[in-house]
């Protein structure tokens, strides 16, 4: 029987690939930060046999999405400027994955599962549900979305709507 994450896995993969981030099936024999997932240049390597939480796909895609295009192309190589991701990019990836989950109709509990986010999943979901978007100024600075004030000024939709999904 499929769990909730598995039900949404194809939806998440299709979305990520529509952004130009490849999902590459690959056996991952080396240790990875998240089981069954690793990042490369503009891609996510996916070992379905080792992946434990399909919602982690959106978070890993978020890391690539909030990284500059030049850095995104260098992920997994010696050309990558370190540190990567920065603390700011980590926060931005969390908020990006929230917006992506809403956009796709993926339950927040699938992405922000109990075994991730340094045991702060419930806290993050609670904050997001109350409209407290930790990292919103950073996503806005990256040119990916706008806050309520900017949305009203420019007559466009505010976050959690994204103006674009990938940083230039």
N, C-alpha and C. Protein backbone atom coordinates (compact mmCIF):
# COMPACT_ATOMS: atom_id res chain seq x y z
N UNK A 1 0.84 -1.19 0.00
CA UNK A 1 0.00 0.00 0.00
C UNK A 1 0.88 1.25 0.00
N UNK A 2 0.49 2.23 -0.78
CA UNK A 2 1.25 3.46 -0.93
C UNK A 2 1.00 4.41 0.24
N UNK A 3 2.07 5.09 0.72
CA UNK A 3 1.86 6.12 1.72
C UNK A 3 1.58 7.45 1.01
N UNK A 4 1.25 8.48 1.79
CA UNK A 4 0.90 9.78 1.20
C UNK A 4 2.01 10.34 0.32
N UNK A 5 3.25 10.23 0.80
CA UNK A 5 4.37 10.75 0.03
C UNK A 5 4.50 10.09 -1.32
N UNK A 6 4.34 8.78 -1.34
CA UNK A 6 4.46 8.03 -2.60
C UNK A 6 3.36 8.42 -3.58
N UNK A 7 2.16 8.74 -3.06
CA UNK A 7 1.05 9.15 -3.91
C UNK A 7 1.39 10.44 -4.65
N UNK A 8 2.15 11.31 -4.03
CA UNK A 8 2.47 12.62 -4.60
C UNK A 8 3.84 12.66 -5.29
N UNK A 9 4.58 11.57 -5.22
CA UNK A 9 5.94 11.57 -5.74
C UNK A 9 6.00 11.94 -7.22
N UNK A 10 5.14 11.36 -8.04
CA UNK A 10 5.18 11.66 -9.48
C UNK A 10 4.80 13.10 -9.75
N UNK A 11 3.84 13.63 -9.01
CA UNK A 11 3.44 15.03 -9.17
C UNK A 11 4.64 15.94 -8.88
N UNK A 12 5.35 15.65 -7.81
CA UNK A 12 6.52 16.46 -7.44
C UNK A 12 7.61 16.33 -8.50
N UNK A 13 7.88 15.12 -8.95
CA UNK A 13 8.91 14.90 -9.96
C UNK A 13 8.57 15.63 -11.27
N UNK A 14 7.32 15.53 -11.70
CA UNK A 14 6.90 16.20 -12.94
C UNK A 14 7.09 17.71 -12.81
N UNK A 15 6.71 18.28 -11.67
CA UNK A 15 6.86 19.71 -11.45
C UNK A 15 8.32 20.13 -11.48
N UNK A 16 9.15 19.40 -10.75
CA UNK A 16 10.58 19.72 -10.68
C UNK A 16 11.20 19.67 -12.07
N UNK A 17 10.86 18.65 -12.83
CA UNK A 17 11.41 18.54 -14.17
C UNK A 17 10.89 19.65 -15.09
N UNK A 18 9.65 20.10 -14.86
CA UNK A 18 9.11 21.20 -15.67
C UNK A 18 9.88 22.50 -15.46
N UNK A 19 10.60 22.59 -14.35
CA UNK A 19 11.41 23.77 -14.06
C UNK A 19 12.78 23.71 -14.73
N UNK A 20 13.11 22.58 -15.31
CA UNK A 20 14.42 22.41 -15.92
C UNK A 20 15.43 21.75 -15.00
N UNK A 21 14.95 21.21 -13.90
CA UNK A 21 15.79 20.44 -12.97
C UNK A 21 15.52 18.97 -13.25
N UNK A 22 16.53 18.26 -13.70
CA UNK A 22 16.35 16.86 -14.06
C UNK A 22 16.28 15.98 -12.81
N UNK A 23 15.45 14.96 -12.86
CA UNK A 23 15.43 13.91 -11.85
C UNK A 23 16.10 12.70 -12.52
N UNK A 24 17.24 12.32 -11.99
CA UNK A 24 18.01 11.24 -12.61
C UNK A 24 18.03 10.02 -11.70
N UNK A 25 17.37 8.94 -12.12
CA UNK A 25 17.44 7.71 -11.32
C UNK A 25 18.89 7.22 -11.27
N UNK A 26 19.33 6.91 -10.08
CA UNK A 26 20.73 6.50 -9.93
C UNK A 26 20.88 5.74 -8.61
N UNK A 27 21.64 4.69 -8.66
CA UNK A 27 21.96 3.98 -7.42
C UNK A 27 22.99 4.82 -6.65
N UNK A 28 22.65 5.16 -5.42
CA UNK A 28 23.52 6.00 -4.59
C UNK A 28 24.16 5.13 -3.52
N UNK A 29 25.41 4.78 -3.74
CA UNK A 29 26.12 3.92 -2.79
C UNK A 29 26.89 4.72 -1.74
N UNK A 30 27.06 6.01 -1.96
CA UNK A 30 27.79 6.85 -1.00
C UNK A 30 26.80 7.46 0.00
N UNK A 31 27.28 7.87 1.17
CA UNK A 31 26.38 8.52 2.14
C UNK A 31 25.85 9.84 1.58
N UNK A 32 24.57 10.08 1.79
CA UNK A 32 23.96 11.34 1.35
C UNK A 32 23.28 11.99 2.55
N UNK A 33 23.09 13.30 2.48
CA UNK A 33 22.46 14.02 3.58
C UNK A 33 21.04 13.52 3.82
N UNK A 34 20.30 13.31 2.75
CA UNK A 34 18.95 12.74 2.83
C UNK A 34 18.97 11.39 2.13
N UNK A 35 18.40 10.37 2.77
CA UNK A 35 18.43 9.03 2.16
C UNK A 35 17.83 9.01 0.76
N UNK A 36 18.60 8.46 -0.18
CA UNK A 36 18.12 8.26 -1.53
C UNK A 36 18.15 9.48 -2.43
N UNK A 37 18.69 10.59 -1.95
CA UNK A 37 18.73 11.82 -2.75
C UNK A 37 20.11 12.44 -2.71
N UNK A 38 20.52 12.96 -3.85
CA UNK A 38 21.77 13.71 -3.93
C UNK A 38 21.59 14.75 -5.01
N UNK A 39 22.38 15.80 -4.94
CA UNK A 39 22.28 16.88 -5.91
C UNK A 39 23.48 16.92 -6.83
N UNK A 40 23.22 17.28 -8.06
CA UNK A 40 24.27 17.48 -9.06
C UNK A 40 23.96 18.73 -9.84
N UNK A 41 24.68 18.97 -10.92
CA UNK A 41 24.45 20.18 -11.71
C UNK A 41 23.05 20.18 -12.34
N UNK A 42 22.22 21.10 -11.86
CA UNK A 42 20.84 21.22 -12.34
C UNK A 42 20.06 19.91 -12.27
N UNK A 43 20.38 19.08 -11.28
CA UNK A 43 19.68 17.80 -11.21
C UNK A 43 19.61 17.27 -9.77
N UNK A 44 18.67 16.36 -9.61
CA UNK A 44 18.55 15.60 -8.38
C UNK A 44 18.74 14.14 -8.75
N UNK A 45 19.68 13.48 -8.10
CA UNK A 45 19.87 12.05 -8.27
C UNK A 45 18.93 11.36 -7.29
N UNK A 46 18.19 10.39 -7.78
CA UNK A 46 17.17 9.73 -6.98
C UNK A 46 17.38 8.23 -6.98
N UNK A 47 17.59 7.69 -5.78
CA UNK A 47 17.67 6.25 -5.58
C UNK A 47 16.38 5.86 -4.87
N UNK A 48 15.38 5.42 -5.65
CA UNK A 48 14.05 5.15 -5.09
C UNK A 48 14.06 4.07 -4.03
N UNK A 49 15.02 3.16 -4.11
CA UNK A 49 15.09 2.09 -3.11
C UNK A 49 15.55 2.61 -1.76
N UNK A 50 16.29 3.71 -1.74
CA UNK A 50 16.81 4.25 -0.48
C UNK A 50 16.04 5.46 0.03
N UNK A 51 15.26 6.11 -0.86
CA UNK A 51 14.54 7.30 -0.43
C UNK A 51 13.49 6.92 0.62
N UNK A 52 13.48 7.65 1.70
CA UNK A 52 12.53 7.37 2.78
C UNK A 52 11.34 8.32 2.79
N UNK A 53 11.56 9.56 2.36
CA UNK A 53 10.52 10.58 2.44
C UNK A 53 10.41 11.31 1.09
N UNK A 54 9.44 10.93 0.25
CA UNK A 54 9.31 11.57 -1.05
C UNK A 54 9.18 13.09 -1.00
N UNK A 55 8.63 13.63 0.07
CA UNK A 55 8.52 15.08 0.21
C UNK A 55 9.86 15.79 0.22
N UNK A 56 10.93 15.04 0.54
CA UNK A 56 12.27 15.64 0.51
C UNK A 56 12.66 16.09 -0.89
N UNK A 57 11.99 15.53 -1.91
CA UNK A 57 12.26 15.96 -3.29
C UNK A 57 12.04 17.46 -3.44
N UNK A 58 10.95 17.99 -2.86
CA UNK A 58 10.68 19.41 -3.00
C UNK A 58 11.72 20.25 -2.27
N UNK A 59 12.16 19.80 -1.11
CA UNK A 59 13.17 20.57 -0.39
C UNK A 59 14.49 20.60 -1.17
N UNK A 60 14.89 19.47 -1.72
CA UNK A 60 16.13 19.43 -2.50
C UNK A 60 16.00 20.26 -3.77
N UNK A 61 14.84 20.21 -4.40
CA UNK A 61 14.60 21.07 -5.56
C UNK A 61 14.68 22.53 -5.15
N UNK A 62 14.18 22.84 -3.95
CA UNK A 62 14.25 24.20 -3.44
C UNK A 62 15.68 24.69 -3.32
N UNK A 63 16.58 23.81 -2.89
CA UNK A 63 18.00 24.20 -2.81
C UNK A 63 18.52 24.63 -4.18
N UNK A 64 18.20 23.87 -5.20
CA UNK A 64 18.65 24.22 -6.54
C UNK A 64 17.95 25.48 -7.04
N UNK A 65 16.67 25.60 -6.76
CA UNK A 65 15.88 26.73 -7.26
C UNK A 65 16.33 28.08 -6.70
N UNK A 66 16.76 28.11 -5.45
CA UNK A 66 17.13 29.40 -4.84
C UNK A 66 18.61 29.71 -5.02
N UNK A 67 19.32 28.84 -5.70
CA UNK A 67 20.73 29.04 -6.00
C UNK A 67 20.83 29.76 -7.34
N UNK A 68 21.78 30.63 -7.50
CA UNK A 68 21.94 31.32 -8.78
C UNK A 68 22.14 30.31 -9.90
N UNK A 69 21.80 30.70 -11.11
CA UNK A 69 21.92 29.79 -12.26
C UNK A 69 23.36 29.28 -12.42
N UNK A 70 24.33 30.17 -12.22
CA UNK A 70 25.73 29.76 -12.37
C UNK A 70 26.11 28.74 -11.31
N UNK A 71 25.71 28.98 -10.07
CA UNK A 71 26.01 28.04 -9.00
C UNK A 71 25.24 26.73 -9.19
N UNK A 72 23.99 26.83 -9.65
CA UNK A 72 23.16 25.64 -9.87
C UNK A 72 23.86 24.69 -10.85
N UNK A 73 24.47 25.26 -11.88
CA UNK A 73 25.17 24.45 -12.88
C UNK A 73 26.45 23.85 -12.33
N UNK A 74 26.95 24.39 -11.20
CA UNK A 74 28.21 23.90 -10.62
C UNK A 74 28.02 22.93 -9.46
N UNK A 75 26.79 22.72 -9.04
CA UNK A 75 26.53 21.83 -7.90
C UNK A 75 27.13 20.46 -8.18
N UNK A 76 27.82 19.94 -7.20
CA UNK A 76 28.44 18.62 -7.32
C UNK A 76 29.81 18.64 -7.97
N UNK A 77 30.34 19.83 -8.27
CA UNK A 77 31.65 19.92 -8.90
C UNK A 77 32.58 20.81 -8.08
N UNK A 78 33.84 20.82 -8.45
CA UNK A 78 34.82 21.68 -7.77
C UNK A 78 34.59 23.16 -8.06
N UNK A 79 33.79 23.47 -9.07
CA UNK A 79 33.51 24.86 -9.42
C UNK A 79 32.50 25.51 -8.48
N UNK A 80 31.81 24.72 -7.67
CA UNK A 80 30.81 25.25 -6.75
C UNK A 80 31.48 26.13 -5.69
N UNK A 81 30.97 27.35 -5.55
CA UNK A 81 31.49 28.25 -4.53
C UNK A 81 30.93 27.84 -3.18
N UNK A 82 31.83 27.64 -2.23
CA UNK A 82 31.43 27.22 -0.89
C UNK A 82 31.45 28.42 0.04
N UNK A 83 30.67 28.45 1.10
CA UNK A 83 29.78 27.38 1.53
C UNK A 83 28.51 27.34 0.67
N UNK A 84 28.03 26.16 0.47
CA UNK A 84 26.77 25.95 -0.24
C UNK A 84 26.06 24.76 0.36
N UNK A 85 24.79 24.89 0.64
CA UNK A 85 24.03 26.14 0.62
C UNK A 85 24.38 27.00 1.83
N UNK A 86 24.17 28.28 1.67
CA UNK A 86 24.36 29.18 2.79
C UNK A 86 23.18 29.03 3.75
N UNK A 87 23.30 29.59 4.93
CA UNK A 87 22.17 29.55 5.87
C UNK A 87 20.94 30.23 5.28
N UNK A 88 21.16 31.33 4.59
CA UNK A 88 20.04 32.02 3.95
C UNK A 88 19.39 31.17 2.88
N UNK A 89 20.20 30.49 2.09
CA UNK A 89 19.64 29.62 1.06
C UNK A 89 18.89 28.45 1.67
N UNK A 90 19.32 27.98 2.82
CA UNK A 90 18.59 26.91 3.51
C UNK A 90 17.19 27.40 3.91
N UNK A 91 17.13 28.59 4.49
CA UNK A 91 15.83 29.16 4.88
C UNK A 91 14.96 29.38 3.65
N UNK A 92 15.56 29.90 2.59
CA UNK A 92 14.82 30.15 1.36
C UNK A 92 14.30 28.84 0.76
N UNK A 93 15.09 27.77 0.81
CA UNK A 93 14.67 26.48 0.27
C UNK A 93 13.48 25.92 1.05
N UNK A 94 13.47 26.14 2.35
CA UNK A 94 12.34 25.69 3.18
C UNK A 94 11.06 26.41 2.74
N UNK A 95 11.14 27.73 2.60
CA UNK A 95 9.95 28.49 2.23
C UNK A 95 9.54 28.20 0.79
N UNK A 96 10.53 28.01 -0.09
CA UNK A 96 10.24 27.64 -1.47
C UNK A 96 9.48 26.32 -1.51
N UNK A 97 9.91 25.35 -0.72
CA UNK A 97 9.25 24.04 -0.73
C UNK A 97 7.83 24.13 -0.18
N UNK A 98 7.60 25.07 0.73
CA UNK A 98 6.23 25.32 1.22
C UNK A 98 5.36 25.82 0.06
N UNK A 99 5.85 26.83 -0.67
CA UNK A 99 5.08 27.38 -1.78
C UNK A 99 4.83 26.30 -2.84
N UNK A 100 5.84 25.48 -3.10
CA UNK A 100 5.68 24.41 -4.10
C UNK A 100 4.64 23.39 -3.65
N UNK A 101 4.65 23.04 -2.37
CA UNK A 101 3.66 22.09 -1.84
C UNK A 101 2.25 22.64 -2.03
N UNK A 102 2.04 23.90 -1.70
CA UNK A 102 0.72 24.51 -1.89
C UNK A 102 0.34 24.51 -3.37
N UNK A 103 1.27 24.91 -4.19
CA UNK A 103 1.03 24.98 -5.64
C UNK A 103 0.60 23.62 -6.21
N UNK A 104 1.20 22.57 -5.70
CA UNK A 104 0.94 21.21 -6.20
C UNK A 104 -0.18 20.49 -5.47
N UNK A 105 -0.65 21.06 -4.36
CA UNK A 105 -1.66 20.37 -3.56
C UNK A 105 -1.11 19.21 -2.76
N UNK A 106 0.18 19.25 -2.47
CA UNK A 106 0.81 18.22 -1.65
C UNK A 106 0.64 18.61 -0.19
N UNK A 107 0.11 17.73 0.65
CA UNK A 107 -0.06 18.06 2.07
C UNK A 107 1.28 18.48 2.70
N UNK A 108 1.22 19.50 3.53
CA UNK A 108 2.44 20.01 4.16
C UNK A 108 3.15 18.93 4.97
N UNK A 109 2.40 18.01 5.54
CA UNK A 109 2.99 16.94 6.34
C UNK A 109 3.84 15.98 5.50
N UNK A 110 3.59 15.95 4.20
CA UNK A 110 4.41 15.11 3.31
C UNK A 110 5.79 15.74 3.14
N UNK A 111 5.82 17.05 2.96
CA UNK A 111 7.09 17.75 2.76
C UNK A 111 7.79 17.97 4.10
N UNK A 112 7.04 18.46 5.07
CA UNK A 112 7.60 18.77 6.39
C UNK A 112 7.28 17.63 7.35
N UNK A 113 7.86 16.47 7.05
CA UNK A 113 7.58 15.26 7.82
C UNK A 113 8.27 15.31 9.18
N UNK A 114 7.79 14.47 10.09
CA UNK A 114 8.28 14.48 11.48
C UNK A 114 9.76 14.14 11.62
N UNK A 115 10.34 13.48 10.65
CA UNK A 115 11.73 13.06 10.77
C UNK A 115 12.70 14.00 10.05
N UNK A 116 12.27 15.20 9.79
CA UNK A 116 13.12 16.17 9.10
C UNK A 116 13.09 17.52 9.78
N UNK A 117 13.81 18.44 9.21
CA UNK A 117 13.79 19.83 9.65
C UNK A 117 14.18 20.01 11.11
N UNK A 118 15.12 19.20 11.56
CA UNK A 118 15.66 19.29 12.92
C UNK A 118 14.55 19.33 13.97
N UNK A 119 13.55 18.47 13.76
CA UNK A 119 12.40 18.34 14.66
C UNK A 119 11.55 19.61 14.76
N UNK A 120 11.66 20.49 13.78
CA UNK A 120 10.87 21.72 13.76
C UNK A 120 9.74 21.70 12.74
N UNK A 121 9.39 20.54 12.21
CA UNK A 121 8.37 20.45 11.17
C UNK A 121 7.03 21.04 11.63
N UNK A 122 6.57 20.65 12.79
CA UNK A 122 5.28 21.15 13.28
C UNK A 122 5.33 22.66 13.49
N UNK A 123 6.45 23.14 13.99
CA UNK A 123 6.62 24.58 14.21
C UNK A 123 6.58 25.33 12.87
N UNK A 124 7.27 24.79 11.86
CA UNK A 124 7.26 25.42 10.54
C UNK A 124 5.85 25.45 9.97
N UNK A 125 5.16 24.32 9.99
CA UNK A 125 3.80 24.26 9.46
C UNK A 125 2.89 25.24 10.20
N UNK A 126 3.01 25.31 11.51
CA UNK A 126 2.20 26.24 12.30
C UNK A 126 2.47 27.69 11.88
N UNK A 127 3.73 28.05 11.74
CA UNK A 127 4.08 29.40 11.31
C UNK A 127 3.53 29.70 9.92
N UNK A 128 3.71 28.78 8.99
CA UNK A 128 3.22 28.99 7.63
C UNK A 128 1.70 29.14 7.62
N UNK A 129 1.00 28.29 8.39
CA UNK A 129 -0.46 28.37 8.44
C UNK A 129 -0.94 29.70 9.02
N UNK A 130 -0.11 30.35 9.84
CA UNK A 130 -0.46 31.66 10.41
C UNK A 130 0.05 32.81 9.55
N UNK A 131 0.59 32.49 8.37
CA UNK A 131 1.08 33.54 7.48
C UNK A 131 2.41 34.14 7.90
N UNK A 132 3.12 33.44 8.77
CA UNK A 132 4.45 33.89 9.20
C UNK A 132 5.47 33.17 8.34
N UNK A 133 5.90 33.85 7.30
CA UNK A 133 6.75 33.25 6.28
C UNK A 133 8.22 33.57 6.54
N UNK A 134 8.84 32.76 7.33
CA UNK A 134 10.25 32.93 7.66
C UNK A 134 11.06 32.83 6.37
N UNK A 135 11.80 33.86 6.06
CA UNK A 135 12.61 33.87 4.85
C UNK A 135 11.97 34.60 3.67
N UNK A 136 10.78 35.12 3.83
CA UNK A 136 10.11 35.80 2.72
C UNK A 136 10.93 36.97 2.16
N UNK A 137 11.53 37.82 3.00
CA UNK A 137 12.34 38.90 2.40
C UNK A 137 13.46 38.37 1.50
N UNK A 138 14.01 37.25 1.85
CA UNK A 138 15.08 36.67 1.04
C UNK A 138 14.55 36.16 -0.31
N UNK A 139 13.42 35.45 -0.29
CA UNK A 139 12.83 34.99 -1.56
C UNK A 139 12.44 36.18 -2.43
N UNK A 140 11.97 37.24 -1.80
CA UNK A 140 11.60 38.44 -2.54
C UNK A 140 12.85 39.09 -3.13
N UNK A 141 13.91 39.19 -2.36
CA UNK A 141 15.18 39.75 -2.85
C UNK A 141 15.71 38.94 -4.02
N UNK A 142 15.49 37.63 -3.99
CA UNK A 142 15.93 36.75 -5.09
C UNK A 142 15.08 36.93 -6.34
N UNK A 143 13.99 37.68 -6.24
CA UNK A 143 13.14 37.93 -7.39
C UNK A 143 12.14 36.82 -7.68
N UNK A 144 11.86 36.00 -6.67
CA UNK A 144 10.97 34.86 -6.90
C UNK A 144 9.52 35.13 -6.54
N UNK A 145 9.27 36.10 -5.66
CA UNK A 145 7.92 36.37 -5.20
C UNK A 145 7.86 37.77 -4.61
N UNK A 146 6.69 38.18 -4.19
CA UNK A 146 6.53 39.48 -3.52
C UNK A 146 5.66 39.31 -2.28
N UNK A 147 5.87 40.22 -1.32
CA UNK A 147 5.04 40.22 -0.11
C UNK A 147 3.73 40.95 -0.39
N UNK A 148 2.87 40.99 0.61
CA UNK A 148 1.54 41.62 0.46
C UNK A 148 1.64 43.08 0.02
N UNK A 149 2.56 43.81 0.61
CA UNK A 149 2.70 45.24 0.31
C UNK A 149 3.10 45.45 -1.16
N UNK A 150 4.09 44.72 -1.62
CA UNK A 150 4.53 44.85 -3.01
C UNK A 150 3.46 44.34 -3.98
N UNK A 151 2.76 43.31 -3.58
CA UNK A 151 1.69 42.77 -4.42
C UNK A 151 0.60 43.81 -4.63
N UNK A 152 0.20 44.48 -3.56
CA UNK A 152 -0.83 45.52 -3.66
C UNK A 152 -0.34 46.68 -4.53
N UNK A 153 0.90 47.07 -4.34
CA UNK A 153 1.48 48.18 -5.09
C UNK A 153 1.52 47.89 -6.59
N UNK A 154 1.87 46.66 -6.94
CA UNK A 154 2.03 46.29 -8.36
C UNK A 154 0.84 45.52 -8.92
N UNK A 155 -0.19 45.35 -8.09
CA UNK A 155 -1.41 44.64 -8.51
C UNK A 155 -1.10 43.24 -9.06
N UNK A 156 -0.30 42.51 -8.28
CA UNK A 156 0.03 41.12 -8.60
C UNK A 156 -0.22 40.27 -7.37
N UNK A 157 -0.14 38.98 -7.52
CA UNK A 157 -0.42 38.07 -6.41
C UNK A 157 0.78 37.98 -5.46
N UNK A 158 0.46 37.94 -4.17
CA UNK A 158 1.47 37.87 -3.12
C UNK A 158 1.85 36.43 -2.81
N UNK A 159 2.99 36.27 -2.16
CA UNK A 159 3.40 34.96 -1.65
C UNK A 159 2.28 34.42 -0.77
N UNK A 160 1.94 33.14 -0.89
CA UNK A 160 2.73 32.03 -1.38
C UNK A 160 2.71 31.80 -2.89
N UNK A 161 2.06 32.71 -3.64
CA UNK A 161 2.17 32.63 -5.10
C UNK A 161 3.59 33.03 -5.49
N UNK A 162 4.18 32.27 -6.39
CA UNK A 162 5.54 32.57 -6.84
C UNK A 162 5.47 33.25 -8.21
N UNK A 163 6.22 34.33 -8.37
CA UNK A 163 6.31 35.00 -9.65
C UNK A 163 7.14 34.18 -10.63
N UNK A 164 8.15 33.51 -10.10
CA UNK A 164 8.93 32.55 -10.87
C UNK A 164 9.52 31.55 -9.87
N UNK A 165 9.92 30.40 -10.38
CA UNK A 165 10.36 29.31 -9.51
C UNK A 165 11.87 29.16 -9.41
N UNK A 166 12.60 29.70 -10.36
CA UNK A 166 14.06 29.57 -10.36
C UNK A 166 14.74 30.93 -10.29
N UNK A 167 15.75 31.02 -9.47
CA UNK A 167 16.55 32.22 -9.37
C UNK A 167 17.44 32.36 -10.60
N UNK A 168 17.61 33.59 -11.06
CA UNK A 168 18.49 33.83 -12.20
C UNK A 168 19.94 33.59 -11.84
